Amino acid sequence: MSQSQFNHVFLAQRTSLLRTLERMVNNHSTAEDLLQETYLRVTRALSERAIDHLEPFVFQTARNLALDHLRARKIHSRTMVDDVPQDVVHSVAAPASSAEDAAHAEQLLERLNVSLGELSPRQQQIFILSRLHGHSYQEIAEELSVSLSTVQKELKLIMTICIGVAERLNGD
């Protein structure tokens, strides 16, 4: 599928795509931004590989971007304190931790660091993109040129390793 064929499909489906995105995110401006991002992502994908069923691929890409946006918005809304007066924010007491808790946390971080350092470079990259940067599985798969299943399996393995480290430390 050539870029000119994609442009034709995109223009023909633009209104439908925009309506779908608007229904999902409830904001025309955001839907327009997601539509532009869809165009860019599909263009990039076309430059990397052949896409047999372009129209469903375009719609799925748009839906995935909208879902990623909604997830990010949900996380953002849970962590924002912009609407809370500063005196209230500063008056909330931080939980007190004992020296024993701090030592335990430091030990856990050291052991996790050692275990994560033993992962393959790709596994480390998947972990960082997922857990530190908040990328979706699909975004990671696209960025690393691996299947979605590979990302899921690698993260499952990595999280099993992390849980094992924590359980061993708690058992000590």
C-alpha atoms as a PDB file:
ATOM      1  CA  MET A   1       0.000   0.000   0.000  1.00  0.00           C
ATOM      2  CA  SER A   2       1.522   3.279  -1.087  1.00  0.00           C
ATOM      3  CA  GLN A   3       1.403   6.597   0.718  1.00  0.00           C
ATOM      4  CA  SER A   4      -0.891   8.053  -1.963  1.00  0.00           C
ATOM      5  CA  GLN A   5      -3.333   5.154  -1.518  1.00  0.00           C
ATOM      6  CA  PHE A   6      -3.259   5.704   2.231  1.00  0.00           C
ATOM      7  CA  ASN A   7      -3.898   9.433   1.741  1.00  0.00           C
ATOM      8  CA  HIS A   8      -6.967   8.563  -0.346  1.00  0.00           C
ATOM      9  CA  VAL A   9      -8.285   6.137   2.310  1.00  0.00           C
ATOM     10  CA  PHE A  10      -7.536   8.598   5.102  1.00  0.00           C
ATOM     11  CA  LEU A  11      -9.344  11.476   3.384  1.00  0.00           C
ATOM     12  CA  ALA A  12     -12.316   9.246   2.587  1.00  0.00           C
ATOM     13  CA  GLN A  13     -12.580   8.096   6.233  1.00  0.00           C
ATOM     14  CA  ARG A  14     -11.531  11.338   7.937  1.00  0.00           C
ATOM     15  CA  THR A  15     -15.023  12.416   9.001  1.00  0.00           C
ATOM     16  CA  SER A  16     -15.900   8.974  10.322  1.00  0.00           C
ATOM     17  CA  LEU A  17     -12.591   8.722  12.176  1.00  0.00           C
ATOM     18  CA  LEU A  18     -13.031  12.158  13.693  1.00  0.00           C
ATOM     19  CA  ARG A  19     -16.571  11.321  14.886  1.00  0.00           C
ATOM     20  CA  THR A  20     -15.341   8.080  16.430  1.00  0.00           C
ATOM     21  CA  LEU A  21     -12.547   9.880  18.253  1.00  0.00           C
ATOM     22  CA  GLU A  22     -14.869  12.677  19.422  1.00  0.00           C
ATOM     23  CA  ARG A  23     -17.275  10.114  20.900  1.00  0.00           C
ATOM     24  CA  MET A  24     -14.410   8.451  22.727  1.00  0.00           C
ATOM     25  CA  VAL A  25     -12.666  11.531  24.184  1.00  0.00           C
ATOM     26  CA  ASN A  26     -15.598  13.992  24.314  1.00  0.00           C
ATOM     27  CA  ASN A  27     -13.473  16.837  22.995  1.00  0.00           C
ATOM     28  CA  HIS A  28     -13.260  18.067  19.398  1.00  0.00           C
ATOM     29  CA  SER A  29      -9.796  19.602  19.733  1.00  0.00           C
ATOM     30  CA  THR A  30      -8.328  16.455  21.315  1.00  0.00           C
ATOM     31  CA  ALA A  31      -9.998  14.335  18.643  1.00  0.00           C
ATOM     32  CA  GLU A  32      -8.348  16.467  15.951  1.00  0.00           C
ATOM     33  CA  ASP A  33      -4.963  16.000  17.638  1.00  0.00           C
ATOM     34  CA  LEU A  34      -5.496  12.243  17.841  1.00  0.00           C
ATOM     35  CA  LEU A  35      -6.528  12.184  14.184  1.00  0.00           C
ATOM     36  CA  GLN A  36      -3.251  13.878  13.225  1.00  0.00           C
ATOM     37  CA  GLU A  37      -1.312  11.437  15.382  1.00  0.00           C
ATOM     38  CA  THR A  38      -3.163   8.564  13.693  1.00  0.00           C
ATOM     39  CA  TYR A  39      -2.055   9.857  10.307  1.00  0.00           C
ATOM     40  CA  LEU A  40       1.557  10.090  11.465  1.00  0.00           C
ATOM     41  CA  ARG A  41       1.581   6.647  13.074  1.00  0.00           C
ATOM     42  CA  VAL A  42       0.058   4.945  10.048  1.00  0.00           C
ATOM     43  CA  THR A  43       2.457   6.765   7.721  1.00  0.00           C
ATOM     44  CA  ARG A  44       5.370   5.546   9.846  1.00  0.00           C
ATOM     45  CA  ALA A  45       3.987   2.000   9.895  1.00  0.00           C
ATOM     46  CA  LEU A  46       3.624   2.033   6.103  1.00  0.00           C
ATOM     47  CA  SER A  47       7.244   3.040   5.722  1.00  0.00           C
ATOM     48  CA  GLU A  48       8.277   0.078   7.868  1.00  0.00           C
ATOM     49  CA  ARG A  49       6.056  -2.730   6.584  1.00  0.00           C
ATOM     50  CA  ALA A  50       3.217  -3.659   4.252  1.00  0.00           C
ATOM     51  CA  ILE A  51      -0.286  -3.380   5.657  1.00  0.00           C
ATOM     52  CA  ASP A  52      -2.837  -5.617   3.971  1.00  0.00           C
ATOM     53  CA  HIS A  53      -6.052  -4.285   5.505  1.00  0.00           C
ATOM     54  CA  LEU A  54      -5.417  -0.583   5.742  1.00  0.00           C
ATOM     55  CA  GLU A  55      -8.829   0.773   6.718  1.00  0.00           C
ATOM     56  CA  PRO A  56      -9.245  -1.429   9.834  1.00  0.00           C
ATOM     57  CA  PHE A  57      -5.611  -0.717  10.727  1.00  0.00           C
ATOM     58  CA  VAL A  58      -6.262   3.039  10.575  1.00  0.00           C
ATOM     59  CA  PHE A  59      -9.367   2.766  12.766  1.00  0.00           C
ATOM     60  CA  GLN A  60      -7.613   0.491  15.266  1.00  0.00           C
ATOM     61  CA  THR A  61      -4.661   2.866  15.462  1.00  0.00           C
ATOM     62  CA  ALA A  62      -7.029   5.778  16.141  1.00  0.00           C
ATOM     63  CA  ARG A  63      -8.905   3.798  18.807  1.00  0.00           C
ATOM     64  CA  ASN A  64      -5.649   2.775  20.490  1.00  0.00           C
ATOM     65  CA  LEU A  65      -4.456   6.373  20.570  1.00  0.00           C
ATOM     66  CA  ALA A  66      -7.772   7.489  22.071  1.00  0.00           C
ATOM     67  CA  LEU A  67      -7.602   4.776  24.725  1.00  0.00           C
ATOM     68  CA  ASP A  68      -4.016   5.737  25.552  1.00  0.00           C
ATOM     69  CA  HIS A  69      -5.126   9.354  25.864  1.00  0.00           C
ATOM     70  CA  LEU A  70      -8.007   8.398  28.169  1.00  0.00           C
ATOM     71  CA  ARG A  71      -5.696   6.272  30.331  1.00  0.00           C
ATOM     72  CA  ALA A  72      -3.191   9.109  30.607  1.00  0.00           C
ATOM     73  CA  ARG A  73      -5.971  11.572  31.443  1.00  0.00           C
ATOM     74  CA  LYS A  74      -7.271   9.256  34.167  1.00  0.00           C
ATOM     75  CA  ILE A  75      -3.805   8.898  35.706  1.00  0.00           C
ATOM     76  CA  HIS A  76      -3.256  12.647  35.440  1.00  0.00           C
ATOM     77  CA  SER A  77      -6.564  13.414  37.174  1.00  0.00           C
ATOM     78  CA  ARG A  78      -5.686  11.075  40.045  1.00  0.00           C
ATOM     79  CA  THR A  79      -2.347  12.752  40.628  1.00  0.00           C
ATOM     80  CA  MET A  80      -3.223  16.402  40.161  1.00  0.00           C
ATOM     81  CA  VAL A  81      -3.519  18.691  43.135  1.00  0.00           C
ATOM     82  CA  ASP A  82      -3.942  21.916  41.149  1.00  0.00           C
ATOM     83  CA  ASP A  83      -7.433  22.507  42.514  1.00  0.00           C
ATOM     84  CA  VAL A  84      -6.378  22.006  46.123  1.00  0.00           C
ATOM     85  CA  PRO A  85      -5.255  25.137  47.976  1.00  0.00           C
ATOM     86  CA  GLN A  86      -1.516  25.157  48.716  1.00  0.00           C
ATOM     87  CA  ASP A  87      -2.034  25.491  52.492  1.00  0.00           C
ATOM     88  CA  VAL A  88      -4.038  22.241  52.443  1.00  0.00           C
ATOM     89  CA  VAL A  89      -1.389  20.462  50.385  1.00  0.00           C
ATOM     90  CA  HIS A  90       1.373  21.556  52.751  1.00  0.00           C
ATOM     91  CA  SER A  91      -0.607  20.666  55.863  1.00  0.00           C
ATOM     92  CA  VAL A  92      -0.965  17.003  54.900  1.00  0.00           C
ATOM     93  CA  ALA A  93       1.460  15.059  57.021  1.00  0.00           C
ATOM     94  CA  ALA A  94       3.749  12.570  55.352  1.00  0.00           C
ATOM     95  CA  PRO A  95       3.548   9.117  56.866  1.00  0.00           C
ATOM     96  CA  ALA A  96       6.310   8.532  59.360  1.00  0.00           C
ATOM     97  CA  SER A  97       8.638   5.666  58.647  1.00  0.00           C
ATOM     98  CA  SER A  98      11.029   3.997  60.970  1.00  0.00           C
ATOM     99  CA  ALA A  99      14.704   3.450  60.342  1.00  0.00           C
ATOM    100  CA  GLU A 100      13.860  -0.232  59.942  1.00  0.00           C
ATOM    101  CA  ASP A 101      11.334   0.564  57.182  1.00  0.00           C
ATOM    102  CA  ALA A 102      13.887   2.743  55.412  1.00  0.00           C
ATOM    103  CA  ALA A 103      16.553   0.023  55.612  1.00  0.00           C
ATOM    104  CA  HIS A 104      14.069  -2.551  54.307  1.00  0.00           C
ATOM    105  CA  ALA A 105      13.122  -0.295  51.387  1.00  0.00           C
ATOM    106  CA  GLU A 106      16.778   0.348  50.577  1.00  0.00           C
ATOM    107  CA  GLN A 107      17.516  -3.374  50.634  1.00  0.00           C
ATOM    108  CA  LEU A 108      14.550  -4.060  48.352  1.00  0.00           C
ATOM    109  CA  LEU A 109      15.704  -1.419  45.867  1.00  0.00           C
ATOM    110  CA  GLU A 110      19.239  -2.822  45.857  1.00  0.00           C
ATOM    111  CA  ARG A 111      18.008  -6.350  45.192  1.00  0.00           C
ATOM    112  CA  LEU A 112      15.577  -5.199  42.519  1.00  0.00           C
ATOM    113  CA  ASN A 113      18.355  -3.224  40.861  1.00  0.00           C
ATOM    114  CA  VAL A 114      20.592  -6.309  40.762  1.00  0.00           C
ATOM    115  CA  SER A 115      17.795  -8.510  39.388  1.00  0.00           C
ATOM    116  CA  LEU A 116      16.708  -5.975  36.783  1.00  0.00           C
ATOM    117  CA  GLY A 117      20.343  -5.477  35.779  1.00  0.00           C
ATOM    118  CA  GLU A 118      20.477  -9.167  34.834  1.00  0.00           C
ATOM    119  CA  LEU A 119      17.655  -8.767  32.302  1.00  0.00           C
ATOM    120  CA  SER A 120      18.399  -8.605  28.596  1.00  0.00           C
ATOM    121  CA  PRO A 121      18.681  -5.098  27.115  1.00  0.00           C
ATOM    122  CA  ARG A 122      15.293  -5.534  25.408  1.00  0.00           C
ATOM    123  CA  GLN A 123      13.655  -6.630  28.675  1.00  0.00           C
ATOM    124  CA  GLN A 124      15.159  -3.644  30.457  1.00  0.00           C
ATOM    125  CA  GLN A 125      13.859  -1.334  27.742  1.00  0.00           C
ATOM    126  CA  ILE A 126      10.363  -2.870  27.943  1.00  0.00           C
ATOM    127  CA  PHE A 127      10.364  -2.439  31.728  1.00  0.00           C
ATOM    128  CA  ILE A 128      11.501   1.189  31.525  1.00  0.00           C
ATOM    129  CA  LEU A 129       8.999   2.121  28.800  1.00  0.00           C
ATOM    130  CA  SER A 130       6.134   0.442  30.635  1.00  0.00           C
ATOM    131  CA  ARG A 131       6.746   1.160  34.282  1.00  0.00           C
ATOM    132  CA  LEU A 132       8.715   4.390  34.214  1.00  0.00           C
ATOM    133  CA  HIS A 133       7.364   6.128  31.109  1.00  0.00           C
ATOM    134  CA  GLY A 134       3.817   4.719  31.195  1.00  0.00           C
ATOM    135  CA  HIS A 135       3.771   3.561  27.556  1.00  0.00           C
ATOM    136  CA  SER A 136       1.045   1.168  26.494  1.00  0.00           C
ATOM    137  CA  TYR A 137       1.923  -2.360  25.417  1.00  0.00           C
ATOM    138  CA  GLN A 138       1.055  -1.423  21.833  1.00  0.00           C
ATOM    139  CA  GLU A 139       3.344   1.613  21.898  1.00  0.00           C
ATOM    140  CA  ILE A 140       6.187  -0.498  23.253  1.00  0.00           C
ATOM    141  CA  ALA A 141       5.627  -3.176  20.615  1.00  0.00           C
ATOM    142  CA  GLU A 142       5.697  -0.582  17.846  1.00  0.00           C
ATOM    143  CA  GLU A 143       8.740   1.236  19.236  1.00  0.00           C
ATOM    144  CA  LEU A 144      10.768  -1.965  19.664  1.00  0.00           C
ATOM    145  CA  SER A 145       9.425  -3.677  16.523  1.00  0.00           C
ATOM    146  CA  VAL A 146       8.212  -6.710  18.438  1.00  0.00           C
ATOM    147  CA  SER A 147       4.790  -8.313  18.760  1.00  0.00           C
ATOM    148  CA  LEU A 148       2.266  -7.270  21.376  1.00  0.00           C
ATOM    149  CA  SER A 149       2.449 -10.820  22.727  1.00  0.00           C
ATOM    150  CA  THR A 150       6.221 -10.492  23.220  1.00  0.00           C
ATOM    151  CA  VAL A 151       5.753  -7.318  25.265  1.00  0.00           C
ATOM    152  CA  GLN A 152       3.078  -8.975  27.411  1.00  0.00           C
ATOM    153  CA  LYS A 153       5.169 -12.117  28.015  1.00  0.00           C
ATOM    154  CA  GLU A 154       8.319 -10.152  28.829  1.00  0.00           C
ATOM    155  CA  LEU A 155       6.500  -7.877  31.290  1.00  0.00           C
ATOM    156  CA  LYS A 156       4.883 -10.884  32.958  1.00  0.00           C
ATOM    157  CA  LEU A 157       8.323 -12.440  33.409  1.00  0.00           C
ATOM    158  CA  ILE A 158       9.822  -9.183  34.685  1.00  0.00           C
ATOM    159  CA  MET A 159       7.019  -8.631  37.184  1.00  0.00           C
ATOM    160  CA  THR A 160       7.358 -12.262  38.372  1.00  0.00           C
ATOM    161  CA  ILE A 161      11.055 -11.569  39.004  1.00  0.00           C
ATOM    162  CA  CYS A 162      10.215  -8.377  40.946  1.00  0.00           C
ATOM    163  CA  ILE A 163       7.592 -10.156  43.059  1.00  0.00           C
ATOM    164  CA  GLY A 164      10.066 -12.967  43.758  1.00  0.00           C
ATOM    165  CA  VAL A 165      12.686 -10.481  44.934  1.00  0.00           C
ATOM    166  CA  ALA A 166      10.182  -8.838  47.283  1.00  0.00           C
ATOM    167  CA  GLU A 167       8.959 -12.192  48.638  1.00  0.00           C
ATOM    168  CA  ARG A 168      12.517 -13.399  49.264  1.00  0.00           C
ATOM    169  CA  LEU A 169      13.355 -10.177  51.088  1.00  0.00           C
ATOM    170  CA  ASN A 170      10.220 -10.420  53.233  1.00  0.00           C
ATOM    171  CA  GLY A 171      11.062 -14.044  54.001  1.00  0.00           C
ATOM    172  CA  ASP A 172      14.552 -13.114  55.258  1.00  0.00           C
END
